[in-house]
Amino acid sequence: MDLLGEVLLSLKVASNSGGIYALGKDWGLAVPKMPSAYAYAFCCIDTPFWILRDTPPPLELQPGDSILVLHGAKFRIASSVDADCVELFDYWEEHELPKLLPGAKQTAPIAGLKLGDEPRQGRLLSLAFLLQDAGGNALLSALPDVILLRGSARGFFPWIGSMLEFLANEQTSATPGYVATATHLAELIFTSFIRAHALSLPSDSVGWLRGIADKRIRHALALIHSNAGFPWTTEALAGEAGMSRHTFGRRFAKLVGQSPIEYLIDCRMQLAAEKVMEGRLSIAQIAEVVGYESERAFREVFKKRFGLPPLRYAKVQAQLQRDAARH
């Protein structure tokens, strides 16, 4: 089983949009903290720019480089590290630009995007994604806030240059069928970022992506993901992996960064959060689906994991999405 491939296929983009910014001499755009379902990709076409965050050192992108910002992380994108930045929401309201909402279809590339003073000779391709069930996807949860792909990373998907050229071509964007094609390409770019990151991980890293590189641990992970509600024990998973309990537990923790049971609980809670947000099942039914005989025990674990009881969690998440939509 290609677990990475299966999980990549499970990534659902509820909606996406894109456009090309015309860049002047001095410019900057500040993107606030957003719900975890929001992600952004920026591709450097012909003019270097910077990605700045509160703690890590700034990252400079050169032509041919691309960056993906995940988990609704707060960041700034600018022509220099000390450039003044306009707030994204203010910019969007001032220019009456379309909002990124679930199920919304962009009928054309966002036109008229401009940053900085005249003359504007540089270009920056921007893509925004609204992901479906972001909190419940093990792969997304294992990823860092920022994935940077230098021009050399195109070896993982050599066709990305042609895709970006298609998306960035203003004449192409005016032809029939552009939007449908651009939508599929944008989603392909999104998954390609993640695949390239997974394939370039150093051997000493830990986490879900390292775990799937090990055949036996990958098999155990696949069993957990295919049936998180099953009463798995470390002994049972070790037996399925063809290992002793001690060896399996130690290797799993070394590669994944947590014990098998801790990982199982995380998977169950991610699945539970997805079910709670869907609102189709009662809390008792959700508890049973994710492997809890006691609704009370499920509620306790859920609150410990998310800081809120299930129904309160759903209300808070829904409000966050409404607040984001209003902007």
Foldseek 3Di string as FASTA:
>chain_A
DQVLVVLLVVWAFQEKAKAKEQEDDWFKEWQAQAAQQKKKKKAFAQAKKWKADDDDDIDIAHHQKMKMFGGSDTIMIINDPPGDHDYPVVVCVVVVWDATDGNDADPAHTPDHYTDDPPRDGMMMMMMTRIALQLQRQLSVFDDRMQMDHNVLCVLPVCVVVLVCCVHDPVNRPDPPSRVVNRVSVSVVVSSSSVSCLVPDDQQDAADSQQCVDPLSVQLVVVCLVQLQPPDDLCNSCVVSVHHSVVSQVVNCRHHVDGPVVVSLSNLLSQLLSVLLVVPDDLCVSCNRNHHPDSVVVQVSNCVVVVDGSNVSNVVVVVSSVVSRVD
